Amino acid sequence: MNSDLTEAFASLLKKYGSHSHVAKKLGISPDHYRKIRNGRANIPPRTANYIILKAYEFCSVTATPTTPPGAGQGEGGGDAA
């Protein structure tokens, strides 16, 4: 598990007070969330990024989710600045 995800779990716990409340806020079953946190369930990159993104959104965590190369660039391939 990467440090960004560990930080996200800790920040969400601090904000919501229990992992069960965090799981409900994220729309994940508390049992599955527990398994993810404890490394007993495979966590796809998409799910890890979702948790990090929500921690950033809810708690202003400094970590940001990783974006695959080329994602969200449209046809132009870059910013139109």
C-alpha atoms as a PDB file:
ATOM      1  CA  MET A   1       0.000   0.000   0.000  1.00  0.00           C
ATOM      2  CA  ASN A   2       1.417   3.394  -0.901  1.00  0.00           C
ATOM      3  CA  SER A   3       1.934   6.269   1.509  1.00  0.00           C
ATOM      4  CA  ASP A   4      -0.681   8.479  -0.196  1.00  0.00           C
ATOM      5  CA  LEU A   5      -3.348   5.859   0.442  1.00  0.00           C
ATOM      6  CA  THR A   6      -2.182   5.370   4.039  1.00  0.00           C
ATOM      7  CA  GLU A   7      -2.372   9.136   4.563  1.00  0.00           C
ATOM      8  CA  ALA A   8      -5.836   9.204   3.003  1.00  0.00           C
ATOM      9  CA  PHE A   9      -7.091   6.486   5.373  1.00  0.00           C
ATOM     10  CA  ALA A  10      -5.672   8.358   8.379  1.00  0.00           C
ATOM     11  CA  SER A  11      -7.128  11.717   7.300  1.00  0.00           C
ATOM     12  CA  LEU A  12     -10.557  10.266   6.656  1.00  0.00           C
ATOM     13  CA  LEU A  13     -10.515   8.500  10.025  1.00  0.00           C
ATOM     14  CA  LYS A  14      -9.563  11.726  11.779  1.00  0.00           C
ATOM     15  CA  LYS A  15     -12.370  13.647  10.058  1.00  0.00           C
ATOM     16  CA  TYR A  16     -15.162  11.075  10.477  1.00  0.00           C
ATOM     17  CA  GLY A  17     -14.146   9.362  13.731  1.00  0.00           C
ATOM     18  CA  SER A  18     -14.562   5.739  12.658  1.00  0.00           C
ATOM     19  CA  HIS A  19     -13.717   3.630   9.664  1.00  0.00           C
ATOM     20  CA  SER A  20     -17.366   2.533   9.421  1.00  0.00           C
ATOM     21  CA  HIS A  21     -18.455   6.146   8.945  1.00  0.00           C
ATOM     22  CA  VAL A  22     -15.713   6.642   6.340  1.00  0.00           C
ATOM     23  CA  ALA A  23     -16.832   3.535   4.442  1.00  0.00           C
ATOM     24  CA  LYS A  24     -20.431   4.742   4.396  1.00  0.00           C
ATOM     25  CA  LYS A  25     -19.353   8.203   3.229  1.00  0.00           C
ATOM     26  CA  LEU A  26     -17.365   6.595   0.390  1.00  0.00           C
ATOM     27  CA  GLY A  27     -20.176   4.211  -0.537  1.00  0.00           C
ATOM     28  CA  ILE A  28     -18.085   1.133   0.293  1.00  0.00           C
ATOM     29  CA  SER A  29     -19.239  -1.594   2.659  1.00  0.00           C
ATOM     30  CA  PRO A  30     -17.471  -1.342   6.031  1.00  0.00           C
ATOM     31  CA  ASP A  31     -16.271  -4.949   5.710  1.00  0.00           C
ATOM     32  CA  HIS A  32     -14.704  -4.372   2.285  1.00  0.00           C
ATOM     33  CA  TYR A  33     -13.171  -1.061   3.423  1.00  0.00           C
ATOM     34  CA  ARG A  34     -11.600  -2.880   6.401  1.00  0.00           C
ATOM     35  CA  LYS A  35     -10.170  -5.544   4.103  1.00  0.00           C
ATOM     36  CA  ILE A  36      -8.709  -2.866   1.817  1.00  0.00           C
ATOM     37  CA  ARG A  37      -7.102  -1.021   4.750  1.00  0.00           C
ATOM     38  CA  ASN A  38      -5.646  -4.205   6.208  1.00  0.00           C
ATOM     39  CA  GLY A  39      -4.298  -5.477   2.881  1.00  0.00           C
ATOM     40  CA  ARG A  40      -6.602  -8.506   2.764  1.00  0.00           C
ATOM     41  CA  ALA A  41      -8.371  -7.366  -0.412  1.00  0.00           C
ATOM     42  CA  ASN A  42      -6.842  -6.493  -3.738  1.00  0.00           C
ATOM     43  CA  ILE A  43      -7.190  -2.759  -4.319  1.00  0.00           C
ATOM     44  CA  PRO A  44      -7.286  -1.755  -7.969  1.00  0.00           C
ATOM     45  CA  PRO A  45      -5.557   1.547  -8.827  1.00  0.00           C
ATOM     46  CA  ARG A  46      -8.948   3.056  -9.678  1.00  0.00           C
ATOM     47  CA  THR A  47     -10.274   2.335  -6.164  1.00  0.00           C
ATOM     48  CA  ALA A  48      -7.076   3.612  -4.522  1.00  0.00           C
ATOM     49  CA  ASN A  49      -7.309   6.831  -6.540  1.00  0.00           C
ATOM     50  CA  TYR A  50     -10.983   7.188  -5.595  1.00  0.00           C
ATOM     51  CA  ILE A  51     -10.163   6.960  -1.879  1.00  0.00           C
ATOM     52  CA  ILE A  52      -7.267   9.421  -2.225  1.00  0.00           C
ATOM     53  CA  LEU A  53      -9.441  11.805  -4.258  1.00  0.00           C
ATOM     54  CA  LYS A  54     -12.230  11.701  -1.680  1.00  0.00           C
ATOM     55  CA  ALA A  55      -9.751  12.267   1.156  1.00  0.00           C
ATOM     56  CA  TYR A  56      -8.401  15.262  -0.754  1.00  0.00           C
ATOM     57  CA  GLU A  57     -11.941  16.544  -1.344  1.00  0.00           C
ATOM     58  CA  PHE A  58     -13.234  15.951   2.199  1.00  0.00           C
ATOM     59  CA  CYS A  59     -10.087  16.687   4.222  1.00  0.00           C
ATOM     60  CA  SER A  60      -7.713  18.738   2.043  1.00  0.00           C
ATOM     61  CA  VAL A  61      -5.110  15.945   2.069  1.00  0.00           C
ATOM     62  CA  THR A  62      -1.924  17.020   0.317  1.00  0.00           C
ATOM     63  CA  ALA A  63      -1.667  13.835  -1.778  1.00  0.00           C
ATOM     64  CA  THR A  64      -3.385  13.848  -5.156  1.00  0.00           C
ATOM     65  CA  PRO A  65      -4.530  10.850  -7.166  1.00  0.00           C
ATOM     66  CA  THR A  66      -2.318   9.704 -10.004  1.00  0.00           C
ATOM     67  CA  THR A  67      -3.645  10.122 -13.511  1.00  0.00           C
ATOM     68  CA  PRO A  68      -2.655   7.748 -16.301  1.00  0.00           C
ATOM     69  CA  PRO A  69      -0.553   9.405 -19.026  1.00  0.00           C
ATOM     70  CA  GLY A  70      -2.721  11.081 -21.634  1.00  0.00           C
ATOM     71  CA  ALA A  71      -5.917  10.909 -19.577  1.00  0.00           C
ATOM     72  CA  GLY A  72      -8.168  13.925 -19.777  1.00  0.00           C
ATOM     73  CA  GLN A  73      -6.201  15.727 -22.482  1.00  0.00           C
ATOM     74  CA  GLY A  74      -8.771  15.505 -25.257  1.00  0.00           C
ATOM     75  CA  GLU A  75      -7.830  15.601 -28.915  1.00  0.00           C
ATOM     76  CA  GLY A  76      -5.358  18.476 -28.641  1.00  0.00           C
ATOM     77  CA  GLY A  77      -3.114  16.560 -26.277  1.00  0.00           C
ATOM     78  CA  GLY A  78      -2.474  19.459 -23.932  1.00  0.00           C
ATOM     79  CA  ASP A  79      -3.659  22.694 -22.386  1.00  0.00           C
ATOM     80  CA  ALA A  80      -4.981  25.487 -24.575  1.00  0.00           C
ATOM     81  CA  ALA A  81      -3.150  28.256 -22.746  1.00  0.00           C
END
